Amino acid sequence: MKPLIIVNLVYAAILVVCFWIFAFFAQGAFVNPVGLGIGVFLGWCVLIPMFPGVLVLLVFNIYGVFRYWSKYKLMTLLPFLILGVAIKGLGFWDVHAMSIRRFEKYLPDYETIVERSEKEHKPGDWDVMGLPEGYRHLGYLVVTYDDKPISDNEPNTLFVSFEVGHFGVFGHTHFLYSSNGEITSGSKAYRGWPHRYRVNEHWFRVSD
């Protein structure tokens, strides 16, 4: 039983390191220096080889439950807990927290781009642009669009979306500015971003 636990601990540590590398290249915890396309490719090159190992470990862990249950009881479930913490607790959640901290650090720069977008955007347009020199640390591209209000007496809601992470075919991560501080049901942003986390009064971290 002890060797199985040690193997899981070692593999969990390697897995966490791979998640952090993937976060650097593709998930918005950093804006990597090689660009989004190459970054996603490199991130997956690191992460994909780890999946077969996880499956193999799961098989051995299941075997361990049947082999050692009579002697160790609930202790045989510890390897599953180790892998679960590595994947859930130390992987994706820390990436999310790092991404939020990085965003808050550069919030004044994000708001500078938003102010520029508010001045240049024409109602009804869908503007996609790269970030100007001096602001490329904020993400890879900016999308600006507006949506009709619920009431005719209210102005259109302006959305400015910064792409900061890319999970390959599985989705994207953006920081989204909403001029009225809301993502109302039925809006373009609501339909496009099923996973939404409010960062402050006007900003959200969103993903699909």
N, C-alpha and C. Protein backbone atom coordinates (compact mmCIF):
# COMPACT_ATOMS: atom_id res chain seq x y z
N MET A 1 0.82 -1.21 0.00
CA MET A 1 0.00 0.00 0.00
C MET A 1 0.86 1.27 0.00
N LYS A 2 1.93 1.23 0.79
CA LYS A 2 2.81 2.41 0.89
C LYS A 2 3.43 2.79 -0.46
N PRO A 3 3.96 1.83 -1.24
CA PRO A 3 4.50 2.21 -2.56
C PRO A 3 3.47 2.86 -3.47
N LEU A 4 2.22 2.39 -3.40
CA LEU A 4 1.17 2.96 -4.23
C LEU A 4 0.90 4.42 -3.85
N ILE A 5 0.90 4.70 -2.56
CA ILE A 5 0.70 6.07 -2.11
C ILE A 5 1.86 6.96 -2.55
N ILE A 6 3.09 6.46 -2.44
CA ILE A 6 4.27 7.24 -2.85
C ILE A 6 4.23 7.54 -4.34
N VAL A 7 3.88 6.53 -5.14
CA VAL A 7 3.80 6.73 -6.59
C VAL A 7 2.76 7.80 -6.92
N ASN A 8 1.61 7.77 -6.25
CA ASN A 8 0.58 8.77 -6.48
C ASN A 8 1.05 10.17 -6.08
N LEU A 9 1.76 10.26 -4.97
CA LEU A 9 2.28 11.56 -4.53
C LEU A 9 3.26 12.14 -5.55
N VAL A 10 4.17 11.29 -6.03
CA VAL A 10 5.17 11.75 -7.00
C VAL A 10 4.49 12.17 -8.30
N TYR A 11 3.56 11.34 -8.76
CA TYR A 11 2.89 11.67 -10.03
C TYR A 11 2.01 12.91 -9.87
N ALA A 12 1.39 13.06 -8.72
CA ALA A 12 0.57 14.25 -8.47
C ALA A 12 1.43 15.51 -8.52
N ALA A 13 2.63 15.44 -7.95
CA ALA A 13 3.54 16.59 -7.99
C ALA A 13 3.93 16.94 -9.42
N ILE A 14 4.23 15.92 -10.22
CA ILE A 14 4.58 16.15 -11.64
C ILE A 14 3.38 16.73 -12.38
N LEU A 15 2.20 16.22 -12.08
CA LEU A 15 0.98 16.69 -12.73
C LEU A 15 0.72 18.16 -12.43
N VAL A 16 0.93 18.56 -11.18
CA VAL A 16 0.73 19.95 -10.79
C VAL A 16 1.70 20.86 -11.54
N VAL A 17 2.96 20.42 -11.64
CA VAL A 17 3.95 21.22 -12.38
C VAL A 17 3.51 21.39 -13.84
N CYS A 18 3.00 20.32 -14.43
CA CYS A 18 2.54 20.39 -15.82
C CYS A 18 1.35 21.33 -15.96
N PHE A 19 0.45 21.33 -14.98
CA PHE A 19 -0.67 22.27 -15.01
C PHE A 19 -0.18 23.71 -14.96
N TRP A 20 0.83 23.97 -14.15
CA TRP A 20 1.36 25.33 -14.04
C TRP A 20 2.02 25.75 -15.34
N ILE A 21 2.72 24.83 -15.97
CA ILE A 21 3.33 25.14 -17.28
C ILE A 21 2.24 25.43 -18.30
N PHE A 22 1.19 24.61 -18.27
CA PHE A 22 0.07 24.84 -19.17
C PHE A 22 -0.58 26.20 -18.89
N ALA A 23 -0.68 26.55 -17.61
CA ALA A 23 -1.25 27.85 -17.24
C ALA A 23 -0.43 28.99 -17.81
N PHE A 24 0.89 28.82 -17.78
CA PHE A 24 1.78 29.86 -18.31
C PHE A 24 1.55 30.06 -19.80
N PHE A 25 1.40 28.97 -20.53
CA PHE A 25 1.31 29.07 -21.98
C PHE A 25 -0.09 29.39 -22.49
N ALA A 26 -1.14 28.95 -21.78
CA ALA A 26 -2.44 28.97 -22.45
C ALA A 26 -3.64 29.44 -21.64
N GLN A 27 -3.51 29.69 -20.34
CA GLN A 27 -4.73 29.87 -19.57
C GLN A 27 -4.90 31.20 -18.84
N GLY A 28 -4.15 32.20 -19.24
CA GLY A 28 -4.43 33.53 -18.72
C GLY A 28 -3.86 33.85 -17.36
N ALA A 29 -3.13 32.92 -16.74
CA ALA A 29 -2.44 33.25 -15.51
C ALA A 29 -1.26 34.16 -15.83
N PHE A 30 -0.75 34.02 -17.05
CA PHE A 30 0.27 34.89 -17.60
C PHE A 30 -0.10 35.15 -19.06
N VAL A 31 0.46 36.19 -19.65
CA VAL A 31 0.41 36.33 -21.10
C VAL A 31 1.78 35.93 -21.60
N ASN A 32 1.85 34.78 -22.25
CA ASN A 32 3.15 34.21 -22.55
C ASN A 32 3.84 34.94 -23.70
N PRO A 33 5.18 34.84 -23.77
CA PRO A 33 5.93 35.62 -24.76
C PRO A 33 5.92 35.05 -26.16
N VAL A 34 5.38 33.87 -26.37
CA VAL A 34 5.46 33.25 -27.70
C VAL A 34 4.17 33.40 -28.49
N GLY A 35 3.15 34.05 -27.92
CA GLY A 35 1.88 34.21 -28.62
C GLY A 35 0.92 33.09 -28.30
N LEU A 36 -0.36 33.35 -28.51
CA LEU A 36 -1.40 32.41 -28.08
C LEU A 36 -1.37 31.10 -28.83
N GLY A 37 -1.26 31.14 -30.17
CA GLY A 37 -1.30 29.90 -30.95
C GLY A 37 -0.18 28.94 -30.58
N ILE A 38 1.05 29.43 -30.57
CA ILE A 38 2.19 28.59 -30.20
C ILE A 38 2.10 28.19 -28.74
N GLY A 39 1.61 29.12 -27.91
CA GLY A 39 1.49 28.82 -26.48
C GLY A 39 0.56 27.67 -26.20
N VAL A 40 -0.60 27.67 -26.87
CA VAL A 40 -1.56 26.57 -26.69
C VAL A 40 -0.94 25.25 -27.14
N PHE A 41 -0.23 25.27 -28.27
CA PHE A 41 0.42 24.06 -28.77
C PHE A 41 1.44 23.52 -27.76
N LEU A 42 2.28 24.42 -27.24
CA LEU A 42 3.29 23.99 -26.27
C LEU A 42 2.65 23.51 -24.97
N GLY A 43 1.59 24.22 -24.56
CA GLY A 43 0.91 23.81 -23.33
C GLY A 43 0.34 22.41 -23.43
N TRP A 44 -0.31 22.10 -24.55
CA TRP A 44 -0.87 20.77 -24.73
C TRP A 44 0.22 19.72 -24.89
N CYS A 45 1.36 20.09 -25.48
CA CYS A 45 2.48 19.13 -25.61
C CYS A 45 2.97 18.68 -24.24
N VAL A 46 2.88 19.58 -23.27
CA VAL A 46 3.28 19.23 -21.90
C VAL A 46 2.20 18.42 -21.21
N LEU A 47 0.94 18.83 -21.42
CA LEU A 47 -0.16 18.25 -20.63
C LEU A 47 -0.64 16.90 -21.15
N ILE A 48 -0.75 16.75 -22.47
CA ILE A 48 -1.33 15.53 -23.03
C ILE A 48 -0.60 14.25 -22.61
N PRO A 49 0.74 14.24 -22.60
CA PRO A 49 1.42 12.99 -22.18
C PRO A 49 1.09 12.55 -20.76
N MET A 50 0.54 13.46 -19.94
CA MET A 50 0.23 13.10 -18.56
C MET A 50 -1.07 12.30 -18.45
N PHE A 51 -1.97 12.42 -19.42
CA PHE A 51 -3.28 11.76 -19.33
C PHE A 51 -3.18 10.23 -19.28
N PRO A 52 -2.37 9.58 -20.14
CA PRO A 52 -2.26 8.12 -20.04
C PRO A 52 -1.77 7.66 -18.67
N GLY A 53 -0.86 8.44 -18.08
CA GLY A 53 -0.37 8.09 -16.76
C GLY A 53 -1.46 8.14 -15.70
N VAL A 54 -2.35 9.13 -15.82
CA VAL A 54 -3.47 9.23 -14.88
C VAL A 54 -4.36 7.99 -15.00
N LEU A 55 -4.64 7.57 -16.22
CA LEU A 55 -5.48 6.39 -16.43
C LEU A 55 -4.83 5.14 -15.86
N VAL A 56 -3.53 5.00 -16.08
CA VAL A 56 -2.80 3.84 -15.54
C VAL A 56 -2.86 3.86 -14.01
N LEU A 57 -2.64 5.03 -13.42
CA LEU A 57 -2.69 5.13 -11.96
C LEU A 57 -4.08 4.79 -11.42
N LEU A 58 -5.11 5.22 -12.11
CA LEU A 58 -6.47 4.90 -11.68
C LEU A 58 -6.70 3.40 -11.66
N VAL A 59 -6.18 2.72 -12.68
CA VAL A 59 -6.32 1.26 -12.73
C VAL A 59 -5.62 0.63 -11.53
N PHE A 60 -4.39 1.08 -11.24
CA PHE A 60 -3.65 0.53 -10.10
C PHE A 60 -4.32 0.89 -8.78
N ASN A 61 -4.89 2.10 -8.71
CA ASN A 61 -5.56 2.50 -7.48
C ASN A 61 -6.81 1.66 -7.22
N ILE A 62 -7.54 1.36 -8.29
CA ILE A 62 -8.72 0.48 -8.16
C ILE A 62 -8.28 -0.91 -7.72
N TYR A 63 -7.19 -1.38 -8.32
CA TYR A 63 -6.65 -2.68 -7.90
C TYR A 63 -6.26 -2.64 -6.42
N GLY A 64 -5.66 -1.51 -6.00
CA GLY A 64 -5.25 -1.38 -4.60
C GLY A 64 -6.41 -1.47 -3.64
N VAL A 65 -7.56 -0.91 -4.04
CA VAL A 65 -8.75 -0.98 -3.17
C VAL A 65 -9.14 -2.43 -2.93
N PHE A 66 -9.21 -3.22 -4.02
CA PHE A 66 -9.59 -4.63 -3.88
C PHE A 66 -8.51 -5.44 -3.16
N ARG A 67 -7.25 -5.09 -3.41
CA ARG A 67 -6.14 -5.87 -2.86
C ARG A 67 -5.93 -5.61 -1.37
N TYR A 68 -6.12 -4.35 -0.93
CA TYR A 68 -5.74 -3.99 0.43
C TYR A 68 -6.91 -3.58 1.33
N TRP A 69 -8.14 -3.63 0.81
CA TRP A 69 -9.27 -3.14 1.60
C TRP A 69 -9.40 -3.85 2.94
N SER A 70 -9.24 -5.14 2.97
CA SER A 70 -9.43 -5.91 4.20
C SER A 70 -8.46 -5.48 5.30
N LYS A 71 -7.30 -4.97 4.89
CA LYS A 71 -6.28 -4.59 5.88
C LYS A 71 -6.31 -3.09 6.19
N TYR A 72 -6.46 -2.26 5.15
CA TYR A 72 -6.31 -0.82 5.34
C TYR A 72 -7.64 -0.04 5.27
N LYS A 73 -8.71 -0.69 4.86
CA LYS A 73 -10.03 -0.06 4.81
C LYS A 73 -9.99 1.26 4.01
N LEU A 74 -10.46 2.35 4.63
CA LEU A 74 -10.58 3.64 3.94
C LEU A 74 -9.25 4.21 3.47
N MET A 75 -8.16 3.73 4.07
CA MET A 75 -6.83 4.19 3.65
C MET A 75 -6.57 3.88 2.18
N THR A 76 -7.25 2.86 1.65
CA THR A 76 -7.03 2.49 0.24
C THR A 76 -7.57 3.55 -0.71
N LEU A 77 -8.40 4.47 -0.19
CA LEU A 77 -8.95 5.54 -1.03
C LEU A 77 -8.04 6.76 -1.09
N LEU A 78 -6.99 6.76 -0.28
CA LEU A 78 -6.08 7.91 -0.22
C LEU A 78 -5.45 8.24 -1.58
N PRO A 79 -5.01 7.24 -2.36
CA PRO A 79 -4.45 7.58 -3.68
C PRO A 79 -5.42 8.36 -4.57
N PHE A 80 -6.72 8.02 -4.52
CA PHE A 80 -7.70 8.78 -5.30
C PHE A 80 -7.78 10.23 -4.82
N LEU A 81 -7.72 10.42 -3.50
CA LEU A 81 -7.76 11.76 -2.93
C LEU A 81 -6.55 12.58 -3.37
N ILE A 82 -5.40 11.95 -3.40
CA ILE A 82 -4.17 12.64 -3.81
C ILE A 82 -4.29 13.14 -5.25
N LEU A 83 -4.73 12.26 -6.14
CA LEU A 83 -4.89 12.66 -7.54
C LEU A 83 -5.97 13.73 -7.69
N GLY A 84 -7.06 13.59 -6.94
CA GLY A 84 -8.13 14.57 -7.03
C GLY A 84 -7.69 15.96 -6.62
N VAL A 85 -6.92 16.03 -5.54
CA VAL A 85 -6.41 17.32 -5.07
C VAL A 85 -5.47 17.92 -6.11
N ALA A 86 -4.63 17.07 -6.70
CA ALA A 86 -3.67 17.55 -7.71
C ALA A 86 -4.39 18.14 -8.91
N ILE A 87 -5.43 17.47 -9.35
CA ILE A 87 -6.13 17.90 -10.57
C ILE A 87 -7.04 19.09 -10.29
N LYS A 88 -7.83 19.01 -9.24
CA LYS A 88 -8.82 20.04 -8.97
C LYS A 88 -8.26 21.19 -8.13
N GLY A 89 -7.76 20.86 -6.97
CA GLY A 89 -7.35 21.89 -6.03
C GLY A 89 -6.13 22.67 -6.45
N LEU A 90 -5.06 21.98 -6.85
CA LEU A 90 -3.80 22.65 -7.14
C LEU A 90 -3.66 23.03 -8.60
N GLY A 91 -4.53 22.51 -9.44
CA GLY A 91 -4.42 22.80 -10.87
C GLY A 91 -5.24 23.99 -11.28
N PHE A 92 -6.50 23.73 -11.66
CA PHE A 92 -7.32 24.76 -12.27
C PHE A 92 -7.65 25.90 -11.32
N TRP A 93 -7.89 25.61 -10.03
CA TRP A 93 -8.31 26.69 -9.14
C TRP A 93 -7.20 27.71 -8.95
N ASP A 94 -5.95 27.27 -8.79
CA ASP A 94 -4.85 28.20 -8.62
C ASP A 94 -4.63 29.03 -9.88
N VAL A 95 -4.84 28.43 -11.05
CA VAL A 95 -4.75 29.17 -12.30
C VAL A 95 -5.77 30.31 -12.30
N HIS A 96 -6.98 30.01 -11.88
CA HIS A 96 -8.03 31.03 -11.80
C HIS A 96 -7.61 32.16 -10.87
N ALA A 97 -7.14 31.81 -9.68
CA ALA A 97 -6.75 32.83 -8.70
C ALA A 97 -5.59 33.67 -9.21
N MET A 98 -4.61 33.04 -9.83
CA MET A 98 -3.48 33.78 -10.39
C MET A 98 -3.92 34.73 -11.48
N SER A 99 -4.84 34.27 -12.32
CA SER A 99 -5.35 35.10 -13.40
C SER A 99 -6.05 36.34 -12.84
N ILE A 100 -6.83 36.18 -11.78
CA ILE A 100 -7.53 37.31 -11.17
C ILE A 100 -6.52 38.30 -10.59
N ARG A 101 -5.52 37.79 -9.89
CA ARG A 101 -4.52 38.68 -9.30
C ARG A 101 -3.77 39.46 -10.37
N ARG A 102 -3.45 38.79 -11.45
CA ARG A 102 -2.74 39.46 -12.54
C ARG A 102 -3.62 40.54 -13.17
N PHE A 103 -4.89 40.23 -13.35
CA PHE A 103 -5.83 41.22 -13.90
C PHE A 103 -5.90 42.45 -13.00
N GLU A 104 -6.03 42.25 -11.70
CA GLU A 104 -6.16 43.37 -10.78
C GLU A 104 -4.90 44.24 -10.79
N LYS A 105 -3.76 43.62 -10.99
CA LYS A 105 -2.51 44.37 -11.05
C LYS A 105 -2.50 45.33 -12.23
N TYR A 106 -3.04 44.89 -13.37
CA TYR A 106 -3.01 45.71 -14.59
C TYR A 106 -4.36 46.36 -14.91
N LEU A 107 -5.25 46.43 -13.93
CA LEU A 107 -6.57 46.99 -14.17
C LEU A 107 -6.54 48.39 -14.79
N PRO A 108 -5.68 49.31 -14.35
CA PRO A 108 -5.65 50.63 -15.00
C PRO A 108 -5.35 50.55 -16.50
N ASP A 109 -4.50 49.63 -16.91
CA ASP A 109 -4.19 49.47 -18.33
C ASP A 109 -5.40 48.92 -19.08
N TYR A 110 -6.11 47.97 -18.48
CA TYR A 110 -7.33 47.45 -19.11
C TYR A 110 -8.35 48.57 -19.30
N GLU A 111 -8.49 49.42 -18.29
CA GLU A 111 -9.48 50.48 -18.37
C GLU A 111 -9.09 51.54 -19.39
N THR A 112 -7.80 51.72 -19.62
CA THR A 112 -7.36 52.63 -20.67
C THR A 112 -7.83 52.15 -22.04
N ILE A 113 -7.71 50.85 -22.29
CA ILE A 113 -8.17 50.28 -23.57
C ILE A 113 -9.69 50.37 -23.67
N VAL A 114 -10.38 50.17 -22.56
CA VAL A 114 -11.84 50.29 -22.56
C VAL A 114 -12.26 51.71 -22.94
N GLU A 115 -11.62 52.70 -22.35
CA GLU A 115 -11.95 54.10 -22.67
C GLU A 115 -11.74 54.38 -24.15
N ARG A 116 -10.67 53.83 -24.71
CA ARG A 116 -10.42 54.02 -26.15
C ARG A 116 -11.50 53.32 -26.97
N SER A 117 -11.90 52.14 -26.55
CA SER A 117 -12.93 51.40 -27.28
C SER A 117 -14.27 52.14 -27.22
N GLU A 118 -14.59 52.73 -26.05
CA GLU A 118 -15.85 53.46 -25.90
C GLU A 118 -15.92 54.64 -26.87
N LYS A 119 -14.78 55.29 -27.11
CA LYS A 119 -14.74 56.45 -28.00
C LYS A 119 -14.84 56.05 -29.47
N GLU A 120 -14.23 54.91 -29.82
CA GLU A 120 -14.12 54.53 -31.22
C GLU A 120 -15.26 53.63 -31.70
N HIS A 121 -15.94 52.96 -30.78
CA HIS A 121 -16.96 51.99 -31.19
C HIS A 121 -18.22 52.66 -31.72
N LYS A 122 -18.75 52.11 -32.81
CA LYS A 122 -20.01 52.56 -33.38
C LYS A 122 -21.09 51.53 -33.04
N PRO A 123 -22.25 51.96 -32.55
CA PRO A 123 -23.33 51.02 -32.18
C PRO A 123 -23.65 50.04 -33.29
N GLY A 124 -23.75 48.80 -32.92
CA GLY A 124 -24.07 47.75 -33.89
C GLY A 124 -22.87 47.07 -34.49
N ASP A 125 -21.68 47.68 -34.36
CA ASP A 125 -20.47 47.07 -34.92
C ASP A 125 -19.94 45.98 -34.00
N TRP A 126 -19.14 45.11 -34.60
CA TRP A 126 -18.43 44.06 -33.86
C TRP A 126 -16.95 44.24 -34.18
N ASP A 127 -16.23 44.86 -33.27
CA ASP A 127 -14.84 45.23 -33.52
C ASP A 127 -13.88 44.22 -32.91
N VAL A 128 -12.96 43.74 -33.70
CA VAL A 128 -11.92 42.83 -33.23
C VAL A 128 -10.58 43.45 -33.57
N MET A 129 -9.72 43.61 -32.58
CA MET A 129 -8.42 44.22 -32.84
C MET A 129 -7.36 43.63 -31.93
N GLY A 130 -6.13 43.74 -32.38
CA GLY A 130 -5.02 43.37 -31.53
C GLY A 130 -4.72 44.51 -30.56
N LEU A 131 -3.98 44.21 -29.53
CA LEU A 131 -3.64 45.24 -28.55
C LEU A 131 -2.48 46.09 -29.06
N PRO A 132 -2.55 47.40 -28.82
CA PRO A 132 -1.47 48.28 -29.30
C PRO A 132 -0.17 48.08 -28.54
N GLU A 133 0.88 48.58 -29.11
CA GLU A 133 2.21 48.51 -28.47
C GLU A 133 2.13 49.12 -27.08
N GLY A 134 2.73 48.45 -26.13
CA GLY A 134 2.70 48.92 -24.75
C GLY A 134 1.58 48.34 -23.92
N TYR A 135 0.63 47.62 -24.59
CA TYR A 135 -0.50 47.02 -23.88
C TYR A 135 -0.66 45.54 -24.19
N ARG A 136 0.33 44.95 -24.82
CA ARG A 136 0.21 43.56 -25.24
C ARG A 136 0.35 42.58 -24.09
N HIS A 137 0.71 43.09 -22.93
CA HIS A 137 0.75 42.24 -21.74
C HIS A 137 -0.65 41.96 -21.20
N LEU A 138 -1.67 42.62 -21.78
CA LEU A 138 -3.04 42.46 -21.28
C LEU A 138 -3.76 41.27 -21.89
N GLY A 139 -3.29 40.76 -23.01
CA GLY A 139 -3.98 39.65 -23.66
C GLY A 139 -3.55 39.53 -25.10
N TYR A 140 -4.38 38.87 -25.89
CA TYR A 140 -4.03 38.58 -27.27
C TYR A 140 -4.88 39.34 -28.28
N LEU A 141 -6.11 39.62 -27.94
CA LEU A 141 -6.97 40.42 -28.80
C LEU A 141 -8.10 41.02 -27.97
N VAL A 142 -8.76 42.03 -28.55
CA VAL A 142 -9.86 42.71 -27.88
C VAL A 142 -11.07 42.69 -28.80
N VAL A 143 -12.22 42.32 -28.25
CA VAL A 143 -13.48 42.32 -29.01
C VAL A 143 -14.43 43.32 -28.34
N THR A 144 -14.95 44.26 -29.14
CA THR A 144 -15.87 45.26 -28.61
C THR A 144 -17.21 45.15 -29.35
N TYR A 145 -18.29 45.08 -28.59
CA TYR A 145 -19.62 45.00 -29.19
C TYR A 145 -20.64 45.57 -28.21
N ASP A 146 -21.83 45.82 -28.68
CA ASP A 146 -22.86 46.35 -27.80
C ASP A 146 -24.12 45.50 -27.91
N ASP A 147 -25.00 45.66 -26.95
CA ASP A 147 -26.24 44.90 -26.93
C ASP A 147 -27.40 45.82 -26.59
N LYS A 148 -28.57 45.48 -27.11
CA LYS A 148 -29.75 46.30 -26.88
C LYS A 148 -30.18 46.21 -25.42
N PRO A 149 -30.62 47.32 -24.84
CA PRO A 149 -31.08 47.30 -23.44
C PRO A 149 -32.45 46.65 -23.32
N ILE A 150 -32.80 46.32 -22.09
CA ILE A 150 -34.13 45.76 -21.82
C ILE A 150 -35.20 46.82 -22.04
N SER A 151 -34.88 48.04 -21.62
CA SER A 151 -35.82 49.16 -21.77
C SER A 151 -35.31 50.12 -22.83
N ASP A 152 -36.23 50.71 -23.61
CA ASP A 152 -35.85 51.66 -24.64
C ASP A 152 -35.27 52.94 -24.05
N ASN A 153 -35.51 53.17 -22.79
CA ASN A 153 -35.01 54.38 -22.14
C ASN A 153 -33.55 54.25 -21.68
N GLU A 154 -32.99 53.05 -21.77
CA GLU A 154 -31.63 52.81 -21.32
C GLU A 154 -30.68 52.77 -22.53
N PRO A 155 -29.43 53.17 -22.33
CA PRO A 155 -28.45 53.09 -23.41
C PRO A 155 -28.03 51.65 -23.65
N ASN A 156 -27.47 51.39 -24.83
CA ASN A 156 -26.95 50.05 -25.11
C ASN A 156 -25.85 49.70 -24.12
N THR A 157 -25.76 48.43 -23.81
CA THR A 157 -24.67 47.95 -22.96
C THR A 157 -23.46 47.68 -23.84
N LEU A 158 -22.33 48.29 -23.49
CA LEU A 158 -21.09 48.07 -24.23
C LEU A 158 -20.28 46.97 -23.54
N PHE A 159 -19.84 45.99 -24.32
CA PHE A 159 -18.97 44.93 -23.82
C PHE A 159 -17.61 45.05 -24.49
N VAL A 160 -16.56 45.00 -23.68
CA VAL A 160 -15.19 44.96 -24.20
C VAL A 160 -14.53 43.72 -23.61
N SER A 161 -14.12 42.81 -24.49
CA SER A 161 -13.67 41.48 -24.08
C SER A 161 -12.21 41.28 -24.45
N PHE A 162 -11.39 40.92 -23.47
CA PHE A 162 -9.96 40.68 -23.68
C PHE A 162 -9.68 39.18 -23.61
N GLU A 163 -9.17 38.62 -24.69
CA GLU A 163 -8.82 37.20 -24.66
C GLU A 163 -7.48 37.02 -23.95
N VAL A 164 -7.49 36.25 -22.87
CA VAL A 164 -6.27 36.03 -22.10
C VAL A 164 -5.86 34.57 -22.02
N GLY A 165 -6.75 33.67 -22.41
CA GLY A 165 -6.43 32.25 -22.32
C GLY A 165 -7.18 31.45 -23.36
N HIS A 166 -6.60 30.32 -23.71
CA HIS A 166 -7.18 29.48 -24.74
C HIS A 166 -6.95 28.03 -24.35
N PHE A 167 -8.02 27.26 -24.31
CA PHE A 167 -7.94 25.85 -23.88
C PHE A 167 -8.10 24.93 -25.08
N GLY A 168 -7.50 25.34 -26.20
CA GLY A 168 -7.62 24.54 -27.41
C GLY A 168 -9.07 24.46 -27.87
N VAL A 169 -9.50 23.27 -28.24
CA VAL A 169 -10.88 23.11 -28.72
C VAL A 169 -11.89 23.16 -27.58
N PHE A 170 -11.41 23.20 -26.33
CA PHE A 170 -12.31 23.12 -25.19
C PHE A 170 -12.80 24.47 -24.71
N GLY A 171 -12.28 25.58 -25.24
CA GLY A 171 -12.82 26.86 -24.82
C GLY A 171 -11.78 27.95 -24.70
N HIS A 172 -12.28 29.13 -24.31
CA HIS A 172 -11.47 30.33 -24.20
C HIS A 172 -11.72 30.98 -22.84
N THR A 173 -10.77 31.82 -22.43
CA THR A 173 -10.91 32.60 -21.21
C THR A 173 -10.74 34.07 -21.56
N HIS A 174 -11.68 34.91 -21.12
CA HIS A 174 -11.64 36.35 -21.38
C HIS A 174 -11.88 37.12 -20.09
N PHE A 175 -11.37 38.35 -20.05
CA PHE A 175 -11.84 39.31 -19.07
C PHE A 175 -12.79 40.24 -19.81
N LEU A 176 -13.99 40.37 -19.28
CA LEU A 176 -15.07 41.07 -19.97
C LEU A 176 -15.52 42.29 -19.18
N TYR A 177 -15.52 43.43 -19.87
CA TYR A 177 -16.03 44.67 -19.28
C TYR A 177 -17.46 44.88 -19.72
N SER A 178 -18.35 45.21 -18.78
CA SER A 178 -19.74 45.54 -19.08
C SER A 178 -20.01 46.96 -18.61
N SER A 179 -20.48 47.82 -19.52
CA SER A 179 -20.64 49.23 -19.17
C SER A 179 -21.67 49.46 -18.07
N ASN A 180 -22.68 48.60 -17.98
CA ASN A 180 -23.66 48.76 -16.90
C ASN A 180 -23.43 47.79 -15.73
N GLY A 181 -22.33 47.04 -15.82
CA GLY A 181 -21.96 46.15 -14.72
C GLY A 181 -22.75 44.87 -14.65
N GLU A 182 -23.51 44.55 -15.70
CA GLU A 182 -24.34 43.35 -15.69
C GLU A 182 -24.16 42.55 -16.97
N ILE A 183 -24.41 41.26 -16.87
CA ILE A 183 -24.55 40.39 -18.05
C ILE A 183 -25.96 39.83 -17.97
N THR A 184 -26.88 40.52 -18.60
CA THR A 184 -28.29 40.16 -18.46
C THR A 184 -28.65 38.92 -19.26
N SER A 185 -29.62 38.19 -18.78
CA SER A 185 -30.08 36.98 -19.46
C SER A 185 -30.56 37.33 -20.87
N GLY A 186 -30.07 36.58 -21.84
CA GLY A 186 -30.45 36.80 -23.22
C GLY A 186 -29.50 37.69 -23.99
N SER A 187 -28.57 38.36 -23.32
CA SER A 187 -27.62 39.23 -24.01
C SER A 187 -26.59 38.39 -24.76
N LYS A 188 -25.86 39.03 -25.67
CA LYS A 188 -24.83 38.32 -26.43
C LYS A 188 -23.78 37.74 -25.49
N ALA A 189 -23.39 38.52 -24.50
CA ALA A 189 -22.39 38.04 -23.55
C ALA A 189 -22.91 36.86 -22.74
N TYR A 190 -24.18 36.91 -22.36
CA TYR A 190 -24.78 35.83 -21.56
C TYR A 190 -24.79 34.53 -22.37
N ARG A 191 -25.17 34.65 -23.65
CA ARG A 191 -25.23 33.46 -24.51
C ARG A 191 -23.84 32.94 -24.84
N GLY A 192 -22.88 33.84 -24.97
CA GLY A 192 -21.54 33.43 -25.39
C GLY A 192 -20.66 32.91 -24.29
N TRP A 193 -20.96 33.31 -23.04
CA TRP A 193 -20.09 32.94 -21.92
C TRP A 193 -20.90 32.27 -20.81
N PRO A 194 -21.03 30.96 -20.85
CA PRO A 194 -21.82 30.26 -19.83
C PRO A 194 -21.20 30.26 -18.44
N HIS A 195 -19.87 30.43 -18.38
CA HIS A 195 -19.18 30.43 -17.08
C HIS A 195 -18.72 31.86 -16.79
N ARG A 196 -19.30 32.46 -15.74
CA ARG A 196 -19.05 33.87 -15.46
C ARG A 196 -18.70 34.05 -13.99
N TYR A 197 -17.62 34.80 -13.76
CA TYR A 197 -17.19 35.09 -12.38
C TYR A 197 -16.99 36.60 -12.27
N ARG A 198 -17.73 37.23 -11.37
CA ARG A 198 -17.61 38.69 -11.22
C ARG A 198 -16.32 39.03 -10.48
N VAL A 199 -15.53 39.92 -11.07
CA VAL A 199 -14.27 40.36 -10.46
C VAL A 199 -14.49 41.64 -9.67
N ASN A 200 -15.21 42.60 -10.25
CA ASN A 200 -15.55 43.83 -9.55
C ASN A 200 -16.84 44.40 -10.16
N GLU A 201 -17.11 45.67 -9.97
CA GLU A 201 -18.39 46.24 -10.37
C GLU A 201 -18.68 46.10 -11.87
N HIS A 202 -17.67 46.25 -12.70
CA HIS A 202 -17.88 46.23 -14.14
C HIS A 202 -17.17 45.08 -14.86
N TRP A 203 -16.41 44.29 -14.18
CA TRP A 203 -15.58 43.30 -14.84
C TRP A 203 -15.93 41.87 -14.43
N PHE A 204 -15.78 40.97 -15.41
CA PHE A 204 -16.02 39.55 -15.18
C PHE A 204 -14.88 38.74 -15.80
N ARG A 205 -14.60 37.60 -15.20
CA ARG A 205 -13.75 36.61 -15.86
C ARG A 205 -14.71 35.56 -16.43
N VAL A 206 -14.66 35.35 -17.73
CA VAL A 206 -15.64 34.48 -18.38
C VAL A 206 -14.93 33.41 -19.22
N SER A 207 -15.63 32.31 -19.43
CA SER A 207 -15.09 31.24 -20.26
C SER A 207 -16.25 30.46 -20.88
N ASP A 208 -15.94 29.73 -21.96
CA ASP A 208 -16.99 28.92 -22.59
C ASP A 208 -16.63 27.46 -22.52
